[in-house]
Amino acid sequence: MYDLLFRHVLRRIPAEPIHGVAFGAIRGVAGAPLIGPCVGRLLTASDQVLQTRVFGVDFPNPLGLAAGFDKDARGPVALSRLGFGFVELGTITARPQPGNPAPRLFRLPADKALVNRMGFNNSGADAVAARLAALPAEGRPVLGINIGKSKVATPEEAIDDYRYSARALGRFADYVVVNVSSPNTPGLRDLQQVGVLSPLLEAVREELVASVPGRTVPLLVKITTDLAAEDVDAVADMTVKLGLDGVVATNTTTSRAGLRTPADEVAALGAGGLSGLPLAEAAQAVVGTLRATLGPDRTIISVGGIFTGEDAYRRITAGASLVQSYTGFVYGGGTWARMMNTELASLLHQNAFPSVAAAVGTA
């Protein structure tokens, strides 16, 4: 049903406006006081094999909604009721910013992919903190907070900029992700260099310790598939050395290799990060590389090209403790998360795994 609607109606409407309409509908239905809990009971997979505990946090299932869908914490409860085990909010910057000029989000249906150059459009850390403070304690989902550099912050100001976001938002987070891998903020990817990244992460962790007394907030860093293999190893080594909780892998790519969409059509869309199915092979490989270096004690959250329960299962057995998707959800529709979890639970049972944790890294 959704596939027919997407092919014949939704794909004919520009991507960013329809995102706003769809997200509004999700909040209006799944976020409603009476209907919302019923939606949650209908779409949440209840198989206990999916429950998992990662860095001290209990997740009802390992499938999360990746950062980018809800940048401003406008509907995390509604989104979780669609069947997601956790929702990663953001990317959020210290200062409010409009992002890049529209149009800035495009579909490549032949590739089940998206191209975006959103530019971290969000209302800023203080506004997001106010919304999170207003969330009721009951029914609150597991929340990741993804923070990035404000566009106007100079390289010299980057550490203080990230510190501000960590201070404002850390108390609401079940985990925090430092995003240094979007291609849409000038100079951001330069922060992936270990010599620059290490003091940045140490500063954010210091801020979280100071601003969230009595609780250790897990800290992860998000990287891209565009890193060379030796740089992935360097980030993994740094993660171990600094005692970080893990890595989110991977962000969008600037590569346009191997697409089915005609090259002239792709070129006409302009710059931006590519997400979706074309990332699957590279993202899978990064998980294996990271797990070999990180060892068993640190978390990998795998994202990029996850569309089916089998995709999620392969990432988990390669070494990911949790998985995320954004583009798969866009192409799959409102019941997609339940379908994913049902298929993943079936694969875990078929292969005699009593839990998600028991399957991690077994391949």
Protein backbone atom coordinates (compact mmCIF):
# COMPACT_ATOMS: atom_id res chain seq x y z
CA MET A 1 0.00 0.00 0.00
CA TYR A 2 2.67 2.51 1.04
CA ASP A 3 4.85 1.42 -1.89
CA LEU A 4 2.03 2.27 -4.32
CA LEU A 5 1.42 5.60 -2.59
CA PHE A 6 5.12 6.42 -2.73
CA ARG A 7 5.56 5.46 -6.39
CA HIS A 8 2.47 7.22 -7.69
CA VAL A 9 2.03 10.21 -5.37
CA LEU A 10 4.73 10.99 -2.84
CA ARG A 11 7.70 10.84 -5.21
CA ARG A 12 6.07 13.54 -7.35
CA ILE A 13 6.14 16.02 -4.45
CA PRO A 14 9.45 17.72 -3.50
CA ALA A 15 11.17 15.77 -0.75
CA GLU A 16 11.51 18.39 1.98
CA PRO A 17 7.88 19.62 1.92
CA ILE A 18 6.53 16.06 1.99
CA HIS A 19 8.85 15.29 4.90
CA GLY A 20 7.20 18.11 6.82
CA VAL A 21 3.72 16.86 5.97
CA ALA A 22 4.55 13.24 6.84
CA PHE A 23 6.21 14.17 10.13
CA GLY A 24 3.22 16.33 11.02
CA ALA A 25 0.91 13.38 10.35
CA ILE A 26 3.06 11.10 12.52
CA ARG A 27 2.93 13.59 15.39
CA GLY A 28 -0.80 14.09 14.92
CA VAL A 29 -1.61 10.38 15.05
CA ALA A 30 1.16 8.54 16.93
CA GLY A 31 1.69 11.52 19.22
CA ALA A 32 -1.98 11.94 20.15
CA PRO A 33 -2.84 11.26 23.82
CA LEU A 34 -5.52 8.61 23.11
CA ILE A 35 -4.64 7.19 19.69
CA GLY A 36 -0.86 7.30 20.10
CA PRO A 37 -0.50 4.55 22.73
CA CYS A 38 -2.74 2.31 20.61
CA VAL A 39 -0.47 2.91 17.61
CA GLY A 40 2.48 2.02 19.80
CA ARG A 41 0.94 -1.27 20.91
CA LEU A 42 0.11 -2.14 17.30
CA LEU A 43 3.50 -1.32 15.78
CA THR A 44 5.94 -2.27 18.54
CA ALA A 45 7.40 -5.76 18.16
CA SER A 46 7.05 -7.57 21.47
CA ASP A 47 9.48 -10.48 20.98
CA GLN A 48 11.82 -10.52 23.98
CA VAL A 49 14.73 -11.71 21.82
CA LEU A 50 14.98 -8.13 20.55
CA GLN A 51 15.52 -6.55 23.97
CA THR A 52 19.12 -5.56 24.55
CA ARG A 53 21.28 -3.65 27.00
CA VAL A 54 24.04 -1.47 25.57
CA PHE A 55 26.40 0.82 27.52
CA GLY A 56 24.13 0.43 30.54
CA VAL A 57 20.96 1.46 28.72
CA ASP A 58 18.00 -0.87 28.11
CA PHE A 59 16.70 -0.81 24.52
CA PRO A 60 13.34 -2.46 23.67
CA ASN A 61 14.84 -3.41 20.31
CA PRO A 62 18.11 -2.59 18.47
CA LEU A 63 16.57 -0.60 15.59
CA GLY A 64 16.84 3.16 15.92
CA LEU A 65 15.78 6.11 13.82
CA ALA A 66 18.95 7.86 12.71
CA ALA A 67 19.69 11.52 13.23
CA GLY A 68 18.28 13.81 10.56
CA PHE A 69 14.61 12.95 10.72
CA ASP A 70 13.81 14.84 13.92
CA LYS A 71 16.35 17.62 14.21
CA ASP A 72 14.44 19.65 16.81
CA ALA A 73 12.88 17.10 19.21
CA ARG A 74 9.41 17.81 17.87
CA GLY A 75 8.17 14.21 17.91
CA PRO A 76 10.44 11.66 19.59
CA VAL A 77 7.59 9.96 21.46
CA ALA A 78 5.47 9.67 18.32
CA LEU A 79 8.40 8.27 16.33
CA SER A 80 9.19 5.67 18.99
CA ARG A 81 5.60 4.46 18.81
CA LEU A 82 6.17 3.45 15.19
CA GLY A 83 8.32 0.62 16.53
CA PHE A 84 11.76 2.16 16.89
CA GLY A 85 13.79 1.04 19.88
CA PHE A 86 15.42 4.45 20.15
CA VAL A 87 15.43 7.83 18.41
CA GLU A 88 18.54 9.87 17.72
CA LEU A 89 17.73 13.57 17.64
CA GLY A 90 19.66 16.17 15.64
CA THR A 91 22.05 17.12 14.39
CA ILE A 92 21.72 19.97 16.93
CA THR A 93 24.08 22.94 17.02
CA ALA A 94 24.81 25.38 19.83
CA ARG A 95 23.31 28.26 17.86
CA PRO A 96 20.08 28.20 15.84
CA GLN A 97 20.66 28.16 12.08
CA PRO A 98 18.47 27.91 8.99
CA GLY A 99 20.71 25.54 7.07
CA ASN A 100 21.44 25.77 3.37
CA PRO A 101 19.07 27.31 0.81
CA ALA A 102 16.28 25.08 -0.56
CA PRO A 103 15.92 22.89 -2.50
CA ARG A 104 18.31 20.80 -0.43
CA LEU A 105 16.79 17.30 -0.18
CA PHE A 106 16.32 15.01 -3.18
CA ARG A 107 15.22 11.44 -3.87
CA LEU A 108 16.90 8.91 -6.14
CA PRO A 109 14.13 6.25 -6.27
CA ALA A 110 15.99 4.00 -8.71
CA ASP A 111 18.74 3.68 -6.11
CA LYS A 112 16.56 3.84 -2.98
CA ALA A 113 18.72 6.77 -1.95
CA LEU A 114 18.54 10.40 -0.89
CA VAL A 115 20.85 13.34 -1.48
CA ASN A 116 20.81 16.08 1.12
CA ARG A 117 22.66 19.30 1.77
CA MET A 118 20.48 20.43 4.66
CA GLY A 119 23.34 22.07 6.54
CA PHE A 120 22.30 21.28 10.13
CA ASN A 121 19.09 23.32 10.02
CA ASN A 122 17.78 23.38 13.60
CA SER A 123 16.49 25.73 16.28
CA GLY A 124 19.60 25.48 18.47
CA ALA A 125 20.54 23.70 21.67
CA ASP A 126 18.55 25.92 24.04
CA ALA A 127 15.27 25.55 22.12
CA VAL A 128 15.70 21.77 21.84
CA ALA A 129 16.53 21.55 25.56
CA ALA A 130 13.28 23.36 26.38
CA ARG A 131 11.26 20.84 24.35
CA LEU A 132 13.01 17.89 25.97
CA ALA A 133 12.42 19.33 29.42
CA ALA A 134 8.70 19.38 28.65
CA LEU A 135 8.56 15.68 27.70
CA PRO A 136 6.59 13.56 30.18
CA ALA A 137 8.64 10.98 32.03
CA GLU A 138 6.09 8.26 31.25
CA GLY A 139 6.51 6.80 27.79
CA ARG A 140 9.77 8.64 27.16
CA PRO A 141 11.79 6.72 24.56
CA VAL A 142 15.50 6.00 24.62
CA LEU A 143 17.07 9.16 23.17
CA GLY A 144 20.38 9.79 21.50
CA ILE A 145 21.47 13.42 21.12
CA ASN A 146 23.58 14.15 18.05
CA ILE A 147 25.54 17.42 18.25
CA GLY A 148 27.44 19.26 15.53
CA LYS A 149 29.36 22.45 14.92
CA SER A 150 27.49 25.69 14.31
CA LYS A 151 28.29 26.96 10.82
CA VAL A 152 29.41 30.35 12.12
CA ALA A 153 31.82 28.84 14.65
CA THR A 154 35.43 29.11 13.52
CA PRO A 155 37.81 26.14 13.88
CA GLU A 156 39.21 27.84 16.98
CA GLU A 157 35.71 28.11 18.45
CA ALA A 158 34.67 24.54 17.62
CA ILE A 159 35.47 23.01 21.01
CA ASP A 160 33.54 25.67 22.93
CA ASP A 161 30.68 25.34 20.46
CA TYR A 162 30.38 21.58 21.07
CA ARG A 163 30.80 22.14 24.82
CA TYR A 164 27.80 24.47 24.85
CA SER A 165 25.56 21.86 23.20
CA ALA A 166 26.78 19.12 25.54
CA ARG A 167 26.09 21.32 28.55
CA ALA A 168 22.58 22.25 27.36
CA LEU A 169 21.49 18.80 26.20
CA GLY A 170 23.51 16.16 28.03
CA ARG A 171 21.06 15.73 30.91
CA PHE A 172 18.32 14.64 28.50
CA ALA A 173 20.46 12.11 26.60
CA ASP A 174 20.72 8.37 27.03
CA TYR A 175 23.83 8.78 24.87
CA VAL A 176 25.53 11.65 23.02
CA VAL A 177 27.03 11.53 19.53
CA VAL A 178 29.65 14.02 18.33
CA ASN A 179 29.04 14.47 14.61
CA VAL A 180 32.16 15.48 12.70
CA SER A 181 31.26 13.75 9.44
CA SER A 182 28.52 15.65 7.60
CA PRO A 183 29.71 16.95 4.22
CA ASN A 184 27.33 19.93 4.38
CA THR A 185 29.06 22.14 6.97
CA PRO A 186 32.27 23.70 5.58
CA GLY A 187 35.37 22.41 7.34
CA LEU A 188 33.47 19.96 9.56
CA ARG A 189 35.09 16.82 8.18
CA ASP A 190 38.52 18.26 8.96
CA LEU A 191 37.62 17.56 12.60
CA GLN A 192 37.78 13.82 11.86
CA GLN A 193 41.58 14.06 11.89
CA VAL A 194 42.57 12.35 15.11
CA GLY A 195 44.90 15.13 16.21
CA VAL A 196 41.98 17.58 16.13
CA LEU A 197 39.25 15.12 17.13
CA SER A 198 40.88 13.82 20.30
CA PRO A 199 40.90 17.14 22.25
CA LEU A 200 37.37 17.88 21.01
CA LEU A 201 36.02 14.60 22.36
CA GLU A 202 37.88 14.98 25.63
CA ALA A 203 36.33 18.43 26.05
CA VAL A 204 32.80 17.15 25.36
CA ARG A 205 33.23 14.29 27.80
CA GLU A 206 34.53 16.70 30.44
CA GLU A 207 31.47 18.89 29.88
CA LEU A 208 29.09 15.94 30.21
CA VAL A 209 30.70 14.87 33.48
CA ALA A 210 30.40 18.39 34.87
CA SER A 211 26.85 19.07 33.67
CA VAL A 212 25.27 15.67 34.41
CA PRO A 213 26.32 14.82 37.97
CA GLY A 214 25.57 11.36 39.28
CA ARG A 215 25.25 9.72 35.85
CA THR A 216 27.73 8.81 33.16
CA VAL A 217 26.40 9.77 29.72
CA PRO A 218 27.76 7.42 27.03
CA LEU A 219 29.76 9.31 24.38
CA LEU A 220 30.23 8.19 20.77
CA VAL A 221 31.70 9.76 17.63
CA LYS A 222 30.11 9.57 14.16
CA ILE A 223 32.31 8.97 11.13
CA THR A 224 31.81 8.62 7.39
CA THR A 225 32.46 5.86 4.85
CA ASP A 226 34.64 8.38 3.01
CA LEU A 227 37.47 7.91 5.53
CA ALA A 228 40.41 5.88 4.29
CA ALA A 229 40.86 2.50 6.00
CA GLU A 230 43.88 3.72 7.97
CA ASP A 231 41.85 6.70 9.23
CA VAL A 232 39.03 4.39 10.38
CA ASP A 233 41.66 2.40 12.29
CA ALA A 234 43.05 5.62 13.76
CA VAL A 235 39.60 6.70 14.98
CA ALA A 236 39.04 3.25 16.48
CA ASP A 237 42.42 3.37 18.26
CA MET A 238 41.58 6.84 19.58
CA THR A 239 38.19 5.61 20.81
CA VAL A 240 39.90 2.92 22.86
CA LYS A 241 42.63 5.26 24.11
CA LEU A 242 40.15 7.91 25.26
CA GLY A 243 37.78 5.37 26.77
CA LEU A 244 34.84 6.46 24.60
CA ASP A 245 31.78 4.24 24.51
CA GLY A 246 31.82 3.66 20.78
CA VAL A 247 31.41 4.79 17.18
CA VAL A 248 28.41 5.53 14.98
CA ALA A 249 29.26 4.37 11.47
CA THR A 250 28.52 5.75 9.01
CA ASN A 251 27.35 9.16 7.82
CA THR A 252 26.46 10.08 4.25
CA THR A 253 28.98 9.91 1.41
CA THR A 254 30.01 12.41 -1.23
CA SER A 255 30.64 9.55 -3.68
CA ARG A 256 28.26 9.03 -6.60
CA ALA A 257 29.84 5.80 -7.82
CA GLY A 258 27.70 2.90 -9.02
CA LEU A 259 24.32 4.65 -9.08
CA ARG A 260 21.51 3.49 -11.36
CA THR A 261 20.15 7.01 -11.70
CA PRO A 262 21.56 8.61 -14.90
CA ALA A 263 24.71 10.61 -14.21
CA ASP A 264 23.31 13.82 -15.68
CA GLU A 265 20.30 13.66 -13.36
CA VAL A 266 22.56 13.09 -10.36
CA ALA A 267 24.85 15.94 -11.38
CA ALA A 268 21.88 18.28 -11.75
CA LEU A 269 21.04 17.80 -8.06
CA GLY A 270 24.36 19.32 -7.04
CA ALA A 271 26.43 18.77 -3.92
CA GLY A 272 25.33 16.92 -0.82
CA GLY A 273 25.60 13.71 1.14
CA LEU A 274 24.23 10.50 -0.37
CA SER A 275 22.36 8.11 1.93
CA GLY A 276 20.47 4.87 1.42
CA LEU A 277 21.05 1.56 -0.28
CA PRO A 278 24.25 2.54 -2.17
CA LEU A 279 26.04 2.84 1.20
CA ALA A 280 25.24 -0.70 2.31
CA GLU A 281 28.40 -2.49 1.20
CA ALA A 282 30.80 0.19 2.44
CA ALA A 283 28.96 0.61 5.76
CA GLN A 284 29.02 -3.16 6.30
CA ALA A 285 32.77 -3.22 5.70
CA VAL A 286 33.41 -0.37 8.16
CA VAL A 287 31.62 -2.31 10.91
CA GLY A 288 33.98 -5.24 10.43
CA THR A 289 37.04 -2.97 10.43
CA LEU A 290 35.93 -1.17 13.57
CA ARG A 291 35.05 -4.32 15.49
CA ALA A 292 38.48 -5.82 14.81
CA THR A 293 40.13 -2.77 16.37
CA LEU A 294 37.63 -1.80 19.06
CA GLY A 295 37.40 -5.25 20.57
CA PRO A 296 34.26 -6.56 22.27
CA ASP A 297 33.81 -3.87 24.90
CA ARG A 298 32.87 -0.84 22.83
CA THR A 299 29.67 -0.17 20.94
CA ILE A 300 29.19 0.18 17.20
CA ILE A 301 25.95 1.71 16.00
CA SER A 302 25.72 0.85 12.32
CA VAL A 303 23.82 3.09 9.91
CA GLY A 304 23.80 3.33 6.13
CA GLY A 305 21.85 1.24 3.62
CA ILE A 306 19.78 -0.75 6.13
CA PHE A 307 16.45 -1.60 4.50
CA THR A 308 15.54 -5.12 5.66
CA GLY A 309 15.70 -7.23 8.78
CA GLU A 310 18.40 -9.28 7.06
CA ASP A 311 20.47 -6.10 6.57
CA ALA A 312 20.18 -5.40 10.29
CA TYR A 313 21.05 -9.00 11.16
CA ARG A 314 24.20 -8.89 8.98
CA ARG A 315 25.37 -5.67 10.65
CA ILE A 316 24.80 -7.16 14.09
CA THR A 317 26.66 -10.37 13.34
CA ALA A 318 29.47 -8.27 11.82
CA GLY A 319 29.85 -6.44 15.13
CA ALA A 320 27.17 -3.76 15.57
CA SER A 321 25.28 -3.75 18.87
CA LEU A 322 22.63 -1.37 17.50
CA VAL A 323 21.51 -0.33 14.03
CA GLN A 324 19.84 2.77 12.62
CA SER A 325 18.12 3.86 9.44
CA TYR A 326 16.63 7.01 7.98
CA THR A 327 16.34 6.45 4.24
CA GLY A 328 14.96 2.93 4.70
CA PHE A 329 12.16 4.42 6.81
CA VAL A 330 11.44 7.09 4.19
CA TYR A 331 11.06 4.44 1.49
CA GLY A 332 9.39 1.90 3.79
CA GLY A 333 6.64 3.91 5.49
CA GLY A 334 4.97 3.90 8.88
CA THR A 335 4.87 0.12 9.42
CA TRP A 336 8.47 -0.37 8.29
CA ALA A 337 10.05 -0.55 11.75
CA ARG A 338 7.66 -3.31 12.86
CA MET A 339 8.41 -5.29 9.69
CA MET A 340 12.14 -4.86 10.29
CA ASN A 341 11.95 -6.03 13.89
CA THR A 342 9.71 -8.99 13.04
CA GLU A 343 12.16 -10.17 10.38
CA LEU A 344 15.17 -9.61 12.64
CA ALA A 345 13.56 -11.56 15.50
CA SER A 346 12.82 -14.42 13.11
CA LEU A 347 16.46 -14.56 11.98
CA LEU A 348 17.72 -14.54 15.56
CA HIS A 349 15.44 -17.45 16.42
CA GLN A 350 16.35 -19.37 13.26
CA ASN A 351 20.02 -19.11 14.11
CA ALA A 352 19.49 -20.08 17.77
CA PHE A 353 20.53 -16.75 19.26
CA PRO A 354 18.77 -16.11 22.59
CA SER A 355 19.34 -12.36 22.30
CA VAL A 356 20.70 -9.60 20.10
CA ALA A 357 23.79 -9.36 22.31
CA ALA A 358 24.56 -13.04 21.74
CA ALA A 359 24.65 -12.44 17.97
CA VAL A 360 26.95 -9.40 18.01
CA GLY A 361 30.20 -10.05 16.13
CA THR A 362 29.58 -13.75 15.55
CA ALA A 363 30.31 -13.46 11.83
